[in-house]
Amino acid sequence: MQTSEILKKVRKIEIRTKGLSNHIFSGEYHSAFKGRGMSFSEVREYAYGDDVRNIDWNVTARFKSPYVKIFEEERELTLMLMVDISGSSLFGTTGNTKRDLITELCAVLSFSAMTNNDKVGVIFFSDKIERYIPPKKGRSHILYIIRELITMNPHPKAQTKVGEALKFLNNVMKKRTIAFLLSDFISTPYQDALQIAAKRHDLIGINIYDKRDQEFPAIGLAQFVDSESGISQWVNTSSMSFQKQYPIYFQQHEQYAKDACKKSGAGFISIRTDEDYVKKLQIYFKSR
């Protein structure tokens, strides 16, 4: 892709998503996440009605009277986008690929964070960490992120290892952060890594899928090629067993991701490439 084409595409995404974040999401983003990051401010003597869970026992022992810790809302938060760029992210049958949708979602979330003066960073991953962009503020940084979302290309047969991305998040982000994990979750098991990450961070999984992941028309003999492994096989899509098992496989796969997030205390949203992601995000933000 030529530089002029990339810049044109970045500008187009900015116009569309910045408008959405300004007029629709900035309020929801603020109410959903502001106040969730609290930092220690000072200690003072215990007063009637104070939460006993905030008693500082070390200070209390030193002065021989109860003291409580006072916390205040952190003035700025950090938004970390964890972006799956494995081979399957390039799949799409409705005009949009999974990557196209992920790019728009990341742009909307980034501009929403920018409106609240929060930092934004990105972890690009496949079966390894492909690229890390440390969190920063500002429009130029967001535009740089969008450009990287458009142009990042992993190895053609790069697979998905969600667990590797979560481990990297835990290692690189010592302070609690808001983390959106955008993937189709076609991955090796990741429950343990998800459990640890969700305890440390405010983690939300966004499952991106195409309608052909969910159902497939009966068109007779068709060649299926795994976009990550490159393995191909011929399948009779009109057979009763295929038509019965295909949607069940998708349901099981999606349910695993949903259950893994729920058990870990992480949020979960599922969005199809031809769906209105605006409504899905609004519903989620308002439910927090």
C-alpha atoms as a PDB file:
ATOM      1  CA  MET A   1       0.000   0.000   0.000  1.00  0.00           C
ATOM      2  CA  GLN A   2       1.366   3.418  -1.034  1.00  0.00           C
ATOM      3  CA  THR A   3       1.984   6.097   1.618  1.00  0.00           C
ATOM      4  CA  SER A   4      -0.704   8.345   0.103  1.00  0.00           C
ATOM      5  CA  GLU A   5      -3.242   5.494   0.272  1.00  0.00           C
ATOM      6  CA  ILE A   6      -2.353   4.790   3.895  1.00  0.00           C
ATOM      7  CA  LEU A   7      -2.731   8.459   4.872  1.00  0.00           C
ATOM      8  CA  LYS A   8      -6.065   8.654   3.050  1.00  0.00           C
ATOM      9  CA  LYS A   9      -7.311   5.562   4.867  1.00  0.00           C
ATOM     10  CA  VAL A  10      -6.081   6.878   8.247  1.00  0.00           C
ATOM     11  CA  ARG A  11      -7.892  10.177   7.638  1.00  0.00           C
ATOM     12  CA  LYS A  12     -11.097   8.380   6.630  1.00  0.00           C
ATOM     13  CA  ILE A  13     -11.026   6.267   9.812  1.00  0.00           C
ATOM     14  CA  GLU A  14     -10.279   9.352  11.917  1.00  0.00           C
ATOM     15  CA  ILE A  15     -13.257  11.289  10.521  1.00  0.00           C
ATOM     16  CA  ARG A  16     -15.665   8.399  11.077  1.00  0.00           C
ATOM     17  CA  THR A  17     -14.489   7.182  14.475  1.00  0.00           C
ATOM     18  CA  LYS A  18     -13.603  10.515  16.063  1.00  0.00           C
ATOM     19  CA  GLY A  19     -17.129  11.725  15.367  1.00  0.00           C
ATOM     20  CA  LEU A  20     -18.556   8.609  16.995  1.00  0.00           C
ATOM     21  CA  SER A  21     -16.334   8.929  20.045  1.00  0.00           C
ATOM     22  CA  ASN A  22     -17.119  12.644  20.488  1.00  0.00           C
ATOM     23  CA  HIS A  23     -20.886  12.414  20.082  1.00  0.00           C
ATOM     24  CA  ILE A  24     -21.641   8.929  21.389  1.00  0.00           C
ATOM     25  CA  PHE A  25     -18.918   7.234  23.393  1.00  0.00           C
ATOM     26  CA  SER A  26     -17.023   9.873  25.350  1.00  0.00           C
ATOM     27  CA  GLY A  27     -19.745  10.102  28.020  1.00  0.00           C
ATOM     28  CA  GLU A  28     -20.224   6.333  28.236  1.00  0.00           C
ATOM     29  CA  TYR A  29     -16.462   5.741  28.342  1.00  0.00           C
ATOM     30  CA  HIS A  30     -16.071   8.316  31.119  1.00  0.00           C
ATOM     31  CA  SER A  31     -18.866   6.890  33.279  1.00  0.00           C
ATOM     32  CA  ALA A  32     -17.792   3.280  32.639  1.00  0.00           C
ATOM     33  CA  PHE A  33     -14.138   3.687  33.586  1.00  0.00           C
ATOM     34  CA  LYS A  34     -13.534   6.917  35.497  1.00  0.00           C
ATOM     35  CA  GLY A  35     -13.444   6.323  39.227  1.00  0.00           C
ATOM     36  CA  ARG A  36     -12.304   2.724  38.777  1.00  0.00           C
ATOM     37  CA  GLY A  37      -8.680   3.763  39.169  1.00  0.00           C
ATOM     38  CA  MET A  38      -8.044   4.916  42.747  1.00  0.00           C
ATOM     39  CA  SER A  39      -4.698   5.947  44.203  1.00  0.00           C
ATOM     40  CA  PHE A  40      -3.572   6.436  47.815  1.00  0.00           C
ATOM     41  CA  SER A  41      -3.623  10.076  48.913  1.00  0.00           C
ATOM     42  CA  GLU A  42      -3.060  10.325  52.695  1.00  0.00           C
ATOM     43  CA  VAL A  43      -4.056   9.004  56.120  1.00  0.00           C
ATOM     44  CA  ARG A  44      -6.257  10.690  58.700  1.00  0.00           C
ATOM     45  CA  GLU A  45      -7.819   9.783  62.027  1.00  0.00           C
ATOM     46  CA  TYR A  46     -10.762   7.417  61.900  1.00  0.00           C
ATOM     47  CA  ALA A  47     -14.167   9.132  62.008  1.00  0.00           C
ATOM     48  CA  TYR A  48     -17.568   7.562  62.668  1.00  0.00           C
ATOM     49  CA  GLY A  49     -18.921   6.068  59.450  1.00  0.00           C
ATOM     50  CA  ASP A  50     -15.518   5.414  57.816  1.00  0.00           C
ATOM     51  CA  ASP A  51     -15.072   2.038  56.144  1.00  0.00           C
ATOM     52  CA  VAL A  52     -13.114  -0.150  58.609  1.00  0.00           C
ATOM     53  CA  ARG A  53     -11.537  -1.921  55.617  1.00  0.00           C
ATOM     54  CA  ASN A  54      -9.521   1.266  54.978  1.00  0.00           C
ATOM     55  CA  ILE A  55      -7.874   1.276  58.407  1.00  0.00           C
ATOM     56  CA  ASP A  56      -4.091   1.568  58.131  1.00  0.00           C
ATOM     57  CA  TRP A  57      -2.991  -0.856  60.851  1.00  0.00           C
ATOM     58  CA  ASN A  58       0.677   0.203  60.800  1.00  0.00           C
ATOM     59  CA  VAL A  59      -0.160   3.879  61.432  1.00  0.00           C
ATOM     60  CA  THR A  60      -2.857   2.881  63.930  1.00  0.00           C
ATOM     61  CA  ALA A  61      -0.325   0.839  65.939  1.00  0.00           C
ATOM     62  CA  ARG A  62       2.221   3.664  65.849  1.00  0.00           C
ATOM     63  CA  PHE A  63      -0.165   6.366  67.155  1.00  0.00           C
ATOM     64  CA  LYS A  64      -2.282   4.009  69.266  1.00  0.00           C
ATOM     65  CA  SER A  65      -5.528   5.335  67.733  1.00  0.00           C
ATOM     66  CA  PRO A  66      -7.278   4.311  64.507  1.00  0.00           C
ATOM     67  CA  TYR A  67      -6.244   5.935  61.220  1.00  0.00           C
ATOM     68  CA  VAL A  68      -7.727   5.303  57.776  1.00  0.00           C
ATOM     69  CA  LYS A  69      -6.253   5.507  54.281  1.00  0.00           C
ATOM     70  CA  ILE A  70      -7.772   8.135  51.993  1.00  0.00           C
ATOM     71  CA  PHE A  71      -7.951   7.399  48.282  1.00  0.00           C
ATOM     72  CA  GLU A  72      -8.679   9.721  45.390  1.00  0.00           C
ATOM     73  CA  GLU A  73      -9.709   9.110  41.805  1.00  0.00           C
ATOM     74  CA  GLU A  74      -6.714   8.940  39.522  1.00  0.00           C
ATOM     75  CA  ARG A  75      -6.677  11.933  37.208  1.00  0.00           C
ATOM     76  CA  GLU A  76      -5.626   9.876  34.226  1.00  0.00           C
ATOM     77  CA  LEU A  77      -5.993   6.253  33.221  1.00  0.00           C
ATOM     78  CA  THR A  78      -4.216   4.093  30.672  1.00  0.00           C
ATOM     79  CA  LEU A  79      -6.044   2.267  27.880  1.00  0.00           C
ATOM     80  CA  MET A  80      -4.190  -0.742  26.481  1.00  0.00           C
ATOM     81  CA  LEU A  81      -5.404  -2.295  23.215  1.00  0.00           C
ATOM     82  CA  MET A  82      -4.412  -5.923  22.711  1.00  0.00           C
ATOM     83  CA  VAL A  83      -4.835  -6.607  19.004  1.00  0.00           C
ATOM     84  CA  ASP A  84      -4.858 -10.058  17.383  1.00  0.00           C
ATOM     85  CA  ILE A  85      -3.206  -9.789  13.953  1.00  0.00           C
ATOM     86  CA  SER A  86      -2.919 -13.527  13.246  1.00  0.00           C
ATOM     87  CA  GLY A  87      -3.842 -14.964   9.863  1.00  0.00           C
ATOM     88  CA  SER A  88      -7.511 -15.503  10.765  1.00  0.00           C
ATOM     89  CA  SER A  89      -7.973 -11.753  11.409  1.00  0.00           C
ATOM     90  CA  LEU A  90      -7.831 -11.201   7.635  1.00  0.00           C
ATOM     91  CA  PHE A  91     -10.966 -13.313   7.112  1.00  0.00           C
ATOM     92  CA  GLY A  92     -14.230 -11.620   6.141  1.00  0.00           C
ATOM     93  CA  THR A  93     -17.150 -12.277   3.796  1.00  0.00           C
ATOM     94  CA  THR A  94     -19.374  -9.209   4.247  1.00  0.00           C
ATOM     95  CA  GLY A  95     -17.202  -6.409   2.874  1.00  0.00           C
ATOM     96  CA  ASN A  96     -15.360  -6.075   6.184  1.00  0.00           C
ATOM     97  CA  THR A  97     -12.621  -8.347   7.450  1.00  0.00           C
ATOM     98  CA  LYS A  98     -12.177  -8.989  11.167  1.00  0.00           C
ATOM     99  CA  ARG A  99      -9.125  -6.706  11.022  1.00  0.00           C
ATOM    100  CA  ASP A 100     -11.209  -3.882   9.497  1.00  0.00           C
ATOM    101  CA  LEU A 101     -13.648  -4.061  12.399  1.00  0.00           C
ATOM    102  CA  ILE A 102     -10.853  -4.313  14.968  1.00  0.00           C
ATOM    103  CA  THR A 103      -9.214  -1.203  13.468  1.00  0.00           C
ATOM    104  CA  GLU A 104     -12.432   0.832  13.764  1.00  0.00           C
ATOM    105  CA  LEU A 105     -13.080  -0.362  17.304  1.00  0.00           C
ATOM    106  CA  CYS A 106      -9.529   0.528  18.351  1.00  0.00           C
ATOM    107  CA  ALA A 107      -9.850   3.975  16.786  1.00  0.00           C
ATOM    108  CA  VAL A 108     -13.168   4.681  18.567  1.00  0.00           C
ATOM    109  CA  LEU A 109     -11.810   3.516  21.918  1.00  0.00           C
ATOM    110  CA  SER A 110      -8.597   5.502  21.421  1.00  0.00           C
ATOM    111  CA  PHE A 111     -10.383   8.765  20.614  1.00  0.00           C
ATOM    112  CA  SER A 112     -12.728   8.192  23.577  1.00  0.00           C
ATOM    113  CA  ALA A 113      -9.688   7.792  25.821  1.00  0.00           C
ATOM    114  CA  MET A 114      -8.086  10.892  24.293  1.00  0.00           C
ATOM    115  CA  THR A 115     -11.212  12.929  25.123  1.00  0.00           C
ATOM    116  CA  ASN A 116     -10.696  11.936  28.764  1.00  0.00           C
ATOM    117  CA  ASN A 117      -6.981  12.806  28.606  1.00  0.00           C
ATOM    118  CA  ASP A 118      -5.985   9.152  29.066  1.00  0.00           C
ATOM    119  CA  LYS A 119      -2.932   7.425  27.605  1.00  0.00           C
ATOM    120  CA  VAL A 120      -3.305   4.753  24.907  1.00  0.00           C
ATOM    121  CA  GLY A 121      -0.939   1.895  24.089  1.00  0.00           C
ATOM    122  CA  VAL A 122      -1.101  -1.192  21.855  1.00  0.00           C
ATOM    123  CA  ILE A 123       0.104  -4.782  21.986  1.00  0.00           C
ATOM    124  CA  PHE A 124       0.003  -6.442  18.543  1.00  0.00           C
ATOM    125  CA  PHE A 125       0.150 -10.222  18.842  1.00  0.00           C
ATOM    126  CA  SER A 126      -0.236 -13.490  16.945  1.00  0.00           C
ATOM    127  CA  ASP A 127       1.530 -16.558  18.340  1.00  0.00           C
ATOM    128  CA  LYS A 128       4.124 -14.086  19.644  1.00  0.00           C
ATOM    129  CA  ILE A 129       4.294 -10.381  20.461  1.00  0.00           C
ATOM    130  CA  GLU A 130       4.580  -8.716  17.065  1.00  0.00           C
ATOM    131  CA  ARG A 131       4.867  -5.101  18.265  1.00  0.00           C
ATOM    132  CA  TYR A 132       4.447  -3.032  21.416  1.00  0.00           C
ATOM    133  CA  ILE A 133       3.554   0.674  21.341  1.00  0.00           C
ATOM    134  CA  PRO A 134       3.979   2.213  24.821  1.00  0.00           C
ATOM    135  CA  PRO A 135       1.074   4.323  26.141  1.00  0.00           C
ATOM    136  CA  LYS A 136       1.097   8.033  25.259  1.00  0.00           C
ATOM    137  CA  LYS A 137      -1.380  10.873  24.905  1.00  0.00           C
ATOM    138  CA  GLY A 138      -2.418  13.047  21.979  1.00  0.00           C
ATOM    139  CA  ARG A 139      -3.955  13.014  18.516  1.00  0.00           C
ATOM    140  CA  SER A 140      -0.695  12.386  16.648  1.00  0.00           C
ATOM    141  CA  HIS A 141      -0.111   9.270  18.778  1.00  0.00           C
ATOM    142  CA  ILE A 142      -3.641   7.993  18.036  1.00  0.00           C
ATOM    143  CA  LEU A 143      -3.145   8.559  14.286  1.00  0.00           C
ATOM    144  CA  TYR A 144       0.150   6.653  14.501  1.00  0.00           C
ATOM    145  CA  ILE A 145      -1.683   3.755  16.171  1.00  0.00           C
ATOM    146  CA  ILE A 146      -4.344   3.744  13.424  1.00  0.00           C
ATOM    147  CA  ARG A 147      -1.632   3.698  10.746  1.00  0.00           C
ATOM    148  CA  GLU A 148       0.020   0.716  12.435  1.00  0.00           C
ATOM    149  CA  LEU A 149      -3.350  -1.061  12.687  1.00  0.00           C
ATOM    150  CA  ILE A 150      -3.765  -0.680   8.924  1.00  0.00           C
ATOM    151  CA  THR A 151      -0.248  -1.695   7.916  1.00  0.00           C
ATOM    152  CA  MET A 152       0.854  -4.337  10.453  1.00  0.00           C
ATOM    153  CA  ASN A 153       1.310  -7.712   8.773  1.00  0.00           C
ATOM    154  CA  PRO A 154       2.469 -10.842  10.635  1.00  0.00           C
ATOM    155  CA  HIS A 155       3.916 -13.972   9.085  1.00  0.00           C
ATOM    156  CA  PRO A 156       1.259 -15.460   6.705  1.00  0.00           C
ATOM    157  CA  LYS A 157       0.873 -18.562   8.880  1.00  0.00           C
ATOM    158  CA  ALA A 158       0.997 -16.764  12.227  1.00  0.00           C
ATOM    159  CA  GLN A 159      -1.395 -18.422  14.656  1.00  0.00           C
ATOM    160  CA  THR A 160      -3.126 -17.036  17.755  1.00  0.00           C
ATOM    161  CA  LYS A 161      -1.869 -17.372  21.324  1.00  0.00           C
ATOM    162  CA  VAL A 162      -4.007 -15.146  23.531  1.00  0.00           C
ATOM    163  CA  GLY A 163      -2.101 -16.348  26.600  1.00  0.00           C
ATOM    164  CA  GLU A 164       1.179 -14.866  25.305  1.00  0.00           C
ATOM    165  CA  ALA A 165      -0.423 -11.436  24.912  1.00  0.00           C
ATOM    166  CA  LEU A 166      -1.889 -11.571  28.425  1.00  0.00           C
ATOM    167  CA  LYS A 167       1.453 -12.569  29.948  1.00  0.00           C
ATOM    168  CA  PHE A 168       3.141  -9.677  28.152  1.00  0.00           C
ATOM    169  CA  LEU A 169       0.468  -7.274  29.443  1.00  0.00           C
ATOM    170  CA  ASN A 170       1.148  -8.395  33.011  1.00  0.00           C
ATOM    171  CA  ASN A 171       4.907  -7.960  32.571  1.00  0.00           C
ATOM    172  CA  VAL A 172       4.864  -4.558  30.886  1.00  0.00           C
ATOM    173  CA  MET A 173       1.994  -2.859  32.765  1.00  0.00           C
ATOM    174  CA  LYS A 174       2.710  -2.797  36.491  1.00  0.00           C
ATOM    175  CA  LYS A 175      -0.036  -0.247  37.206  1.00  0.00           C
ATOM    176  CA  ARG A 176      -3.734  -1.149  36.830  1.00  0.00           C
ATOM    177  CA  THR A 177      -4.958  -0.353  33.327  1.00  0.00           C
ATOM    178  CA  ILE A 178      -8.055  -0.669  31.146  1.00  0.00           C
ATOM    179  CA  ALA A 179      -7.270  -3.444  28.652  1.00  0.00           C
ATOM    180  CA  PHE A 180      -9.373  -4.398  25.636  1.00  0.00           C
ATOM    181  CA  LEU A 181      -8.474  -7.768  24.103  1.00  0.00           C
ATOM    182  CA  LEU A 182      -9.687  -7.799  20.469  1.00  0.00           C
ATOM    183  CA  SER A 183      -9.505 -11.236  18.855  1.00  0.00           C
ATOM    184  CA  ASP A 184     -11.518 -14.051  17.292  1.00  0.00           C
ATOM    185  CA  PHE A 185     -10.156 -16.147  20.207  1.00  0.00           C
ATOM    186  CA  ILE A 186      -9.234 -19.042  17.903  1.00  0.00           C
ATOM    187  CA  SER A 187      -6.388 -19.859  20.234  1.00  0.00           C
ATOM    188  CA  THR A 188      -4.634 -22.391  22.404  1.00  0.00           C
ATOM    189  CA  PRO A 189      -6.057 -22.445  26.001  1.00  0.00           C
ATOM    190  CA  TYR A 190      -5.624 -19.153  27.853  1.00  0.00           C
ATOM    191  CA  GLN A 191      -7.790 -19.457  30.997  1.00  0.00           C
ATOM    192  CA  ASP A 192      -4.893 -19.275  33.498  1.00  0.00           C
ATOM    193  CA  ALA A 193      -3.285 -16.196  31.910  1.00  0.00           C
ATOM    194  CA  LEU A 194      -6.711 -14.534  31.684  1.00  0.00           C
ATOM    195  CA  GLN A 195      -7.324 -15.187  35.383  1.00  0.00           C
ATOM    196  CA  ILE A 196      -4.089 -13.447  36.399  1.00  0.00           C
ATOM    197  CA  ALA A 197      -4.537 -10.494  34.013  1.00  0.00           C
ATOM    198  CA  ALA A 198      -8.149  -9.841  35.067  1.00  0.00           C
ATOM    199  CA  LYS A 199      -7.104  -9.590  38.719  1.00  0.00           C
ATOM    200  CA  ARG A 200      -4.504  -6.952  37.906  1.00  0.00           C
ATOM    201  CA  HIS A 201      -6.330  -4.993  35.225  1.00  0.00           C
ATOM    202  CA  ASP A 202      -9.793  -3.925  34.112  1.00  0.00           C
ATOM    203  CA  LEU A 203      -9.951  -6.431  31.251  1.00  0.00           C
ATOM    204  CA  ILE A 204     -12.601  -6.686  28.520  1.00  0.00           C
ATOM    205  CA  GLY A 205     -12.547  -9.338  25.780  1.00  0.00           C
ATOM    206  CA  ILE A 206     -14.104  -8.415  22.427  1.00  0.00           C
ATOM    207  CA  ASN A 207     -14.801 -11.501  20.321  1.00  0.00           C
ATOM    208  CA  ILE A 208     -14.772 -10.615  16.598  1.00  0.00           C
ATOM    209  CA  TYR A 209     -16.351 -13.097  14.213  1.00  0.00           C
ATOM    210  CA  ASP A 210     -17.735 -13.377  10.689  1.00  0.00           C
ATOM    211  CA  LYS A 211     -21.126 -14.845   9.817  1.00  0.00           C
ATOM    212  CA  ARG A 212     -19.337 -17.643   7.916  1.00  0.00           C
ATOM    213  CA  ASP A 213     -17.645 -18.607  11.197  1.00  0.00           C
ATOM    214  CA  GLN A 214     -21.160 -19.134  12.535  1.00  0.00           C
ATOM    215  CA  GLU A 215     -22.885 -20.833   9.609  1.00  0.00           C
ATOM    216  CA  PHE A 216     -21.960 -22.090   6.148  1.00  0.00           C
ATOM    217  CA  PRO A 217     -24.255 -22.564   3.126  1.00  0.00           C
ATOM    218  CA  ALA A 218     -24.781 -25.996   1.621  1.00  0.00           C
ATOM    219  CA  ILE A 219     -22.867 -25.540  -1.654  1.00  0.00           C
ATOM    220  CA  GLY A 220     -21.581 -29.081  -2.125  1.00  0.00           C
ATOM    221  CA  LEU A 221     -17.877 -29.928  -2.244  1.00  0.00           C
ATOM    222  CA  ALA A 222     -15.672 -26.998  -1.141  1.00  0.00           C
ATOM    223  CA  GLN A 223     -12.021 -26.558  -0.282  1.00  0.00           C
ATOM    224  CA  PHE A 224     -11.358 -25.189   3.209  1.00  0.00           C
ATOM    225  CA  VAL A 225      -7.979 -23.568   3.901  1.00  0.00           C
ATOM    226  CA  ASP A 226      -6.926 -22.785   7.489  1.00  0.00           C
ATOM    227  CA  SER A 227      -5.719 -19.173   7.297  1.00  0.00           C
ATOM    228  CA  GLU A 228      -3.247 -19.744  10.144  1.00  0.00           C
ATOM    229  CA  SER A 229      -1.779 -23.197   9.512  1.00  0.00           C
ATOM    230  CA  GLY A 230      -2.250 -23.217   5.723  1.00  0.00           C
ATOM    231  CA  ILE A 231      -3.672 -26.741   5.868  1.00  0.00           C
ATOM    232  CA  SER A 232      -6.426 -27.382   3.313  1.00  0.00           C
ATOM    233  CA  GLN A 233      -9.079 -30.065   2.934  1.00  0.00           C
ATOM    234  CA  TRP A 234     -12.110 -30.763   0.777  1.00  0.00           C
ATOM    235  CA  VAL A 235     -15.433 -30.870   2.601  1.00  0.00           C
ATOM    236  CA  ASN A 236     -18.943 -31.794   1.502  1.00  0.00           C
ATOM    237  CA  THR A 237     -20.783 -28.760   2.868  1.00  0.00           C
ATOM    238  CA  SER A 238     -24.153 -30.231   1.879  1.00  0.00           C
ATOM    239  CA  SER A 239     -23.826 -33.257   4.136  1.00  0.00           C
ATOM    240  CA  MET A 240     -26.156 -33.406   7.139  1.00  0.00           C
ATOM    241  CA  SER A 241     -23.291 -34.019   9.557  1.00  0.00           C
ATOM    242  CA  PHE A 242     -21.396 -30.922   8.357  1.00  0.00           C
ATOM    243  CA  GLN A 243     -24.474 -28.669   8.532  1.00  0.00           C
ATOM    244  CA  LYS A 244     -25.191 -29.938  12.045  1.00  0.00           C
ATOM    245  CA  GLN A 245     -21.652 -29.813  13.451  1.00  0.00           C
ATOM    246  CA  TYR A 246     -20.433 -26.535  11.899  1.00  0.00           C
ATOM    247  CA  PRO A 247     -22.597 -24.162  14.004  1.00  0.00           C
ATOM    248  CA  ILE A 248     -22.069 -26.317  17.126  1.00  0.00           C
ATOM    249  CA  TYR A 249     -18.293 -25.905  16.810  1.00  0.00           C
ATOM    250  CA  PHE A 250     -18.704 -22.111  16.667  1.00  0.00           C
ATOM    251  CA  GLN A 251     -21.075 -22.074  19.657  1.00  0.00           C
ATOM    252  CA  GLN A 252     -18.656 -24.144  21.749  1.00  0.00           C
ATOM    253  CA  HIS A 253     -15.739 -21.936  20.758  1.00  0.00           C
ATOM    254  CA  GLU A 254     -17.608 -18.721  21.623  1.00  0.00           C
ATOM    255  CA  GLN A 255     -18.934 -20.194  24.878  1.00  0.00           C
ATOM    256  CA  TYR A 256     -15.406 -21.093  25.986  1.00  0.00           C
ATOM    257  CA  ALA A 257     -14.279 -17.478  25.491  1.00  0.00           C
ATOM    258  CA  LYS A 258     -17.360 -16.130  27.272  1.00  0.00           C
ATOM    259  CA  ASP A 259     -17.010 -18.535  30.221  1.00  0.00           C
ATOM    260  CA  ALA A 260     -13.265 -17.901  30.508  1.00  0.00           C
ATOM    261  CA  CYS A 261     -13.874 -14.143  30.786  1.00  0.00           C
ATOM    262  CA  LYS A 262     -16.747 -14.568  33.243  1.00  0.00           C
ATOM    263  CA  LYS A 263     -14.798 -16.914  35.536  1.00  0.00           C
ATOM    264  CA  SER A 264     -11.857 -14.521  35.516  1.00  0.00           C
ATOM    265  CA  GLY A 265     -13.963 -11.458  36.275  1.00  0.00           C
ATOM    266  CA  ALA A 266     -13.293  -9.926  32.854  1.00  0.00           C
ATOM    267  CA  GLY A 267     -15.929  -8.313  30.646  1.00  0.00           C
ATOM    268  CA  PHE A 268     -16.989  -9.889  27.348  1.00  0.00           C
ATOM    269  CA  ILE A 269     -18.565  -8.554  24.137  1.00  0.00           C
ATOM    270  CA  SER A 270     -19.188 -10.508  20.935  1.00  0.00           C
ATOM    271  CA  ILE A 271     -19.462  -8.555  17.652  1.00  0.00           C
ATOM    272  CA  ARG A 272     -20.022  -9.861  14.114  1.00  0.00           C
ATOM    273  CA  THR A 273     -18.276  -8.116  11.212  1.00  0.00           C
ATOM    274  CA  ASP A 274     -21.601  -7.016   9.683  1.00  0.00           C
ATOM    275  CA  GLU A 275     -23.172  -5.869  12.984  1.00  0.00           C
ATOM    276  CA  ASP A 276     -23.573  -2.336  14.331  1.00  0.00           C
ATOM    277  CA  TYR A 277     -20.722  -2.198  16.837  1.00  0.00           C
ATOM    278  CA  VAL A 278     -21.944   1.187  18.083  1.00  0.00           C
ATOM    279  CA  LYS A 279     -24.973  -0.374  19.790  1.00  0.00           C
ATOM    280  CA  LYS A 280     -22.924  -3.251  21.196  1.00  0.00           C
ATOM    281  CA  LEU A 281     -20.401  -0.899  22.814  1.00  0.00           C
ATOM    282  CA  GLN A 282     -23.089   1.432  24.137  1.00  0.00           C
ATOM    283  CA  ILE A 283     -24.979  -1.436  25.761  1.00  0.00           C
ATOM    284  CA  TYR A 284     -21.782  -2.730  27.367  1.00  0.00           C
ATOM    285  CA  PHE A 285     -20.645   0.665  28.664  1.00  0.00           C
ATOM    286  CA  LYS A 286     -24.057   1.413  30.153  1.00  0.00           C
ATOM    287  CA  SER A 287     -24.219  -1.995  31.869  1.00  0.00           C
ATOM    288  CA  ARG A 288     -20.988  -1.430  33.845  1.00  0.00           C
END
